[in-house]
């Protein structure tokens, strides 16, 4: 066998049996969630699988979740939160474990998925008339706490009255807070105007707003 062929065989054997991918100088490595772990480097996050291979490369739009006094991004039901800013306002959506955006950033806030459901703040634009002096439509914005499935389809609303909001970075420096949370399948806790919790069970029917 020629020397070049022998060298090629050795390289192939090392690649197959002896080569180990090395990820160095990382700022943080999270526990595994949904078969992937988050790694941080230089202010950006990526994800590795259980073999240590990067499955989502480093990016700066991934949203972190606080867990045991540490914040890092997690996957739940093959979904991870991302955020995108538009005119200084943050909008939330989701990616899958290939890094593909499966639910476009459109919500004023969003939770991780739980039991195939997540709570989001859906923004609705309402036209209420026209300013004759400026010759432009007069609009108001209102958000609703809604339950979505993993496709981003709304299953039901938790606050049918909604909340008025000024869509401006001066007033929305941080995402609005939730007043509801998922307890289990179809079971939710909702904070009322008196700061008291109500536990309710909701079916999949979407009530009118």
Foldseek 3Di string as FASTA:
>chain_A
DDPVVVVVVVVVCCVVPPDADDDDPWPDWADAAPQWIWTHDPQWIFIAGPSRHTQGDTDNFFAWDDDPNDTDWYADPQWTKGWDDDQQQIFIFIDGSNRHTQGDRAFLDKDHDDPQKIKTWHKDKAFDAADPVVGGTDIWIWTWTFIAGPNRDTQETDDQVTGTDDPHCVRPVDRDDAQKDDDHQQWIWGQDPVRDIDIDGDDRHYDHD
